[in-house]
């Protein structure tokens, strides 16, 4: 995220190199059964910029990258309507065994796989 340093310059605070992508994703919340589709627009090792299908969705989701099966537990860094910047806190590979409390995330990912 950019933060104004003065009137003429902006300082980059992002620590990971960002890559423009257009990937399908799913956002889910650990503490309730809600999930929503999203488009992943930028992705790095440390975060992502997504566009939510439901702009009224709660903060701090788990972002599931449908192509790779990676589930990123995240903190909402910023929000502008349906566009949300996420900072990744932890990542889980849904292609293998997962802890019991994350099994619902794995099922969400498996349900999205082509049959």
Protein backbone atom coordinates (compact mmCIF):
# COMPACT_ATOMS: atom_id res chain seq x y z
CA UNK A 1 0.00 0.00 0.00
CA UNK A 2 1.20 3.49 -0.73
CA UNK A 3 1.48 6.11 1.96
CA UNK A 4 2.01 9.81 1.21
CA UNK A 5 5.50 10.88 2.23
CA UNK A 6 5.00 14.49 1.19
CA UNK A 7 2.99 16.45 -1.38
CA UNK A 8 5.00 15.20 -4.39
CA UNK A 9 6.07 11.64 -3.53
CA UNK A 10 4.67 8.35 -2.27
CA UNK A 11 6.56 5.68 -0.33
CA UNK A 12 6.07 2.01 -1.17
CA UNK A 13 5.44 -0.04 1.99
CA UNK A 14 4.89 -3.42 0.30
CA UNK A 15 7.69 -5.88 1.13
CA UNK A 16 7.07 -8.49 -1.60
CA UNK A 17 7.30 -8.05 -5.35
CA UNK A 18 3.78 -7.75 -6.76
CA UNK A 19 2.70 -9.59 -9.91
CA UNK A 20 -0.36 -8.65 -11.92
CA UNK A 21 -2.59 -11.68 -12.32
CA UNK A 22 -6.18 -12.51 -13.11
CA UNK A 23 -7.00 -15.58 -11.06
CA UNK A 24 -10.21 -16.95 -9.61
CA UNK A 25 -10.35 -17.16 -5.87
CA UNK A 26 -12.60 -17.83 -2.96
CA UNK A 27 -12.61 -15.92 0.31
CA UNK A 28 -13.82 -17.62 3.46
CA UNK A 29 -13.97 -16.74 7.12
CA UNK A 30 -12.79 -19.20 9.77
CA UNK A 31 -15.19 -17.95 12.44
CA UNK A 32 -18.39 -18.40 10.41
CA UNK A 33 -19.61 -20.40 7.43
CA UNK A 34 -19.58 -17.49 4.99
CA UNK A 35 -17.61 -17.59 1.74
CA UNK A 36 -17.64 -15.57 -1.46
CA UNK A 37 -16.08 -15.60 -4.92
CA UNK A 38 -13.37 -13.10 -5.75
CA UNK A 39 -11.01 -12.10 -8.54
CA UNK A 40 -7.32 -11.95 -7.62
CA UNK A 41 -5.77 -8.97 -9.45
CA UNK A 42 -2.28 -8.70 -7.89
CA UNK A 43 -0.37 -11.38 -6.00
CA UNK A 44 2.91 -11.53 -4.12
CA UNK A 45 4.41 -13.78 -1.47
CA UNK A 46 3.21 -11.38 1.21
CA UNK A 47 -0.23 -10.31 0.00
CA UNK A 48 -2.81 -9.76 -2.71
CA UNK A 49 -5.25 -7.28 -4.17
CA UNK A 50 -8.65 -8.82 -4.75
CA UNK A 51 -12.05 -7.74 -6.02
CA UNK A 52 -14.87 -9.21 -3.98
CA UNK A 53 -18.14 -10.36 -5.53
CA UNK A 54 -19.84 -9.08 -2.34
CA UNK A 55 -18.35 -5.73 -1.26
CA UNK A 56 -20.09 -5.99 2.12
CA UNK A 57 -18.09 -9.10 3.11
CA UNK A 58 -16.37 -9.06 6.54
CA UNK A 59 -12.68 -8.31 7.08
CA UNK A 60 -9.72 -10.68 7.56
CA UNK A 61 -10.59 -13.64 5.32
CA UNK A 62 -8.75 -16.70 4.17
CA UNK A 63 -7.96 -16.30 0.46
CA UNK A 64 -8.09 -19.57 -1.49
CA UNK A 65 -6.27 -19.46 -4.84
CA UNK A 66 -8.30 -21.96 -6.84
CA UNK A 67 -5.56 -22.78 -9.37
CA UNK A 68 -2.89 -23.72 -6.81
CA UNK A 69 -4.89 -24.82 -3.77
CA UNK A 70 -3.07 -22.34 -1.53
CA UNK A 71 -5.10 -20.94 1.38
CA UNK A 72 -3.71 -17.68 2.73
CA UNK A 73 -4.89 -16.56 6.17
CA UNK A 74 -4.90 -12.79 5.80
CA UNK A 75 -5.34 -9.43 7.44
CA UNK A 76 -7.27 -6.73 5.59
CA UNK A 77 -4.71 -3.96 4.96
CA UNK A 78 -7.05 -1.59 3.09
CA UNK A 79 -10.46 -1.53 1.45
CA UNK A 80 -12.01 0.63 -1.30
CA UNK A 81 -15.50 -0.66 -2.04
CA UNK A 82 -15.17 -4.12 -3.60
CA UNK A 83 -11.35 -3.81 -3.89
CA UNK A 84 -9.43 -5.17 -0.90
CA UNK A 85 -5.72 -5.34 -0.09
CA UNK A 86 -4.70 -8.39 1.94
CA UNK A 87 -1.56 -9.04 3.95
CA UNK A 88 -0.82 -12.77 4.27
CA UNK A 89 -0.19 -14.04 7.80
CA UNK A 90 0.06 -17.79 7.11
CA UNK A 91 -0.35 -20.15 4.15
CA UNK A 92 -1.72 -23.70 4.05
CA UNK A 93 -1.45 -26.10 1.10
CA UNK A 94 -4.94 -27.54 0.53
CA UNK A 95 -3.64 -30.19 -1.88
CA UNK A 96 -2.53 -32.37 1.04
CA UNK A 97 -3.73 -33.14 4.55
CA UNK A 98 -4.87 -30.13 6.57
CA UNK A 99 -5.58 -29.61 10.27
CA UNK A 100 -9.15 -30.52 11.26
CA UNK A 101 -10.15 -26.88 11.88
CA UNK A 102 -9.27 -26.06 8.22
CA UNK A 103 -11.04 -29.03 6.63
CA UNK A 104 -13.95 -26.79 5.56
CA UNK A 105 -11.50 -24.70 3.50
CA UNK A 106 -10.21 -27.82 1.76
CA UNK A 107 -13.79 -28.86 0.93
CA UNK A 108 -14.49 -25.40 -0.50
CA UNK A 109 -11.44 -25.74 -2.76
CA UNK A 110 -12.26 -29.33 -3.82
CA UNK A 111 -15.84 -28.30 -4.70
CA UNK A 112 -14.42 -25.76 -7.18
CA UNK A 113 -12.20 -28.25 -9.03
CA UNK A 114 -13.26 -29.23 -12.55
CA UNK A 115 -14.96 -32.60 -12.64
